[in-house]
Amino acid sequence: MNTAAIKKTEIIRQLARVSEKELDKIKMCIESVIMESSRLNQPRHTLKGIWKDKGFDRLNDLEEEIRQARKELGESILRKEP
């Protein structure tokens, strides 16, 4: 018998001695472990390269361009009348 099967058998034997109230806690704990495990096994998505070949590479100083765009947008908003 492999070690996983032995551990499962041991757990089942020990569960027989646990009260119903405690079984609910154990069930929640097991479900939490299963969810965490399945979440960790999912492929990770990355956004690396999402802006490649979109024209941003032609900007010499991207941060300055963004600052300027924000300034122009802010001024445009302030000029609008209610």
Protein backbone atom coordinates (compact mmCIF):
# COMPACT_ATOMS: atom_id res chain seq x y z
CA MET A 1 0.00 0.00 0.00
CA ASN A 2 1.41 3.41 -0.88
CA THR A 3 1.90 6.17 1.66
CA ALA A 4 -1.03 8.28 0.37
CA ALA A 5 -3.41 5.34 0.80
CA ILE A 6 -2.06 4.70 4.31
CA LYS A 7 -2.54 8.35 5.26
CA LYS A 8 -6.11 8.37 3.91
CA THR A 9 -6.95 5.19 5.83
CA GLU A 10 -5.51 6.70 9.00
CA ILE A 11 -7.55 9.88 8.54
CA ILE A 12 -10.75 7.90 7.95
CA ARG A 13 -10.12 5.88 11.11
CA GLN A 14 -9.54 9.05 13.12
CA LEU A 15 -12.67 10.71 11.70
CA ALA A 16 -14.79 8.01 13.32
CA ARG A 17 -13.88 9.50 16.72
CA VAL A 18 -14.72 13.12 15.83
CA SER A 19 -18.01 14.81 16.79
CA GLU A 20 -20.41 16.03 14.10
CA LYS A 21 -19.65 19.66 14.94
CA GLU A 22 -15.95 19.06 14.46
CA LEU A 23 -16.61 17.17 11.21
CA ASP A 24 -18.05 20.38 9.72
CA LYS A 25 -14.82 22.21 10.57
CA ILE A 26 -12.73 19.42 9.06
CA LYS A 27 -14.87 19.42 5.92
CA MET A 28 -14.39 23.17 5.50
CA CYS A 29 -10.65 22.76 6.00
CA ILE A 30 -10.46 20.00 3.38
CA GLU A 31 -12.48 22.06 0.90
CA SER A 32 -10.15 25.00 1.50
CA VAL A 33 -7.08 22.86 0.84
CA ILE A 34 -8.62 21.46 -2.35
CA MET A 35 -9.52 24.93 -3.63
CA GLU A 36 -6.03 26.25 -2.85
CA SER A 37 -4.44 23.28 -4.58
CA SER A 38 -6.57 23.66 -7.71
CA ARG A 39 -5.89 27.40 -7.80
CA LEU A 40 -2.14 26.82 -7.62
CA ASN A 41 -2.25 24.24 -10.40
CA GLN A 42 -3.98 26.56 -12.88
CA PRO A 43 -1.77 28.02 -15.60
CA ARG A 44 -0.61 31.52 -14.84
CA HIS A 45 -1.42 34.23 -17.35
CA THR A 46 1.02 36.99 -18.07
CA LEU A 47 0.59 40.37 -19.68
CA LYS A 48 4.21 40.44 -20.82
CA GLY A 49 4.43 41.75 -24.35
CA ILE A 50 0.80 42.93 -24.47
CA TRP A 51 1.86 46.34 -25.85
CA LYS A 52 4.45 44.96 -28.28
CA ASP A 53 4.15 46.39 -31.81
CA LYS A 54 1.50 48.90 -30.73
CA GLY A 55 3.67 51.95 -31.37
CA PHE A 56 4.80 52.68 -27.83
CA ASP A 57 8.30 51.49 -28.67
CA ARG A 58 8.66 54.53 -30.97
CA LEU A 59 8.19 56.95 -28.06
CA ASN A 60 11.50 58.21 -26.72
CA ASP A 61 10.24 59.17 -23.27
CA LEU A 62 7.01 57.30 -22.53
CA GLU A 63 6.69 58.68 -18.99
CA GLU A 64 6.93 62.28 -20.25
CA GLU A 65 4.35 61.55 -22.96
CA ILE A 66 1.97 60.17 -20.31
CA ARG A 67 2.57 63.20 -18.05
CA GLN A 68 1.81 65.54 -20.96
CA ALA A 69 -1.35 63.63 -21.90
CA ARG A 70 -2.58 63.77 -18.29
CA LYS A 71 -1.88 67.51 -18.13
CA GLU A 72 -3.78 68.15 -21.35
CA LEU A 73 -6.69 66.00 -20.19
CA GLY A 74 -6.81 67.79 -16.82
CA GLU A 75 -6.82 71.20 -18.49
CA SER A 76 -9.52 70.05 -20.90
CA ILE A 77 -11.72 68.90 -18.02
CA LEU A 78 -11.24 72.17 -16.13
CA ARG A 79 -12.23 74.22 -19.20
CA LYS A 80 -15.59 72.47 -19.49
CA GLU A 81 -18.52 74.39 -18.06
CA PRO A 82 -21.16 72.64 -15.93
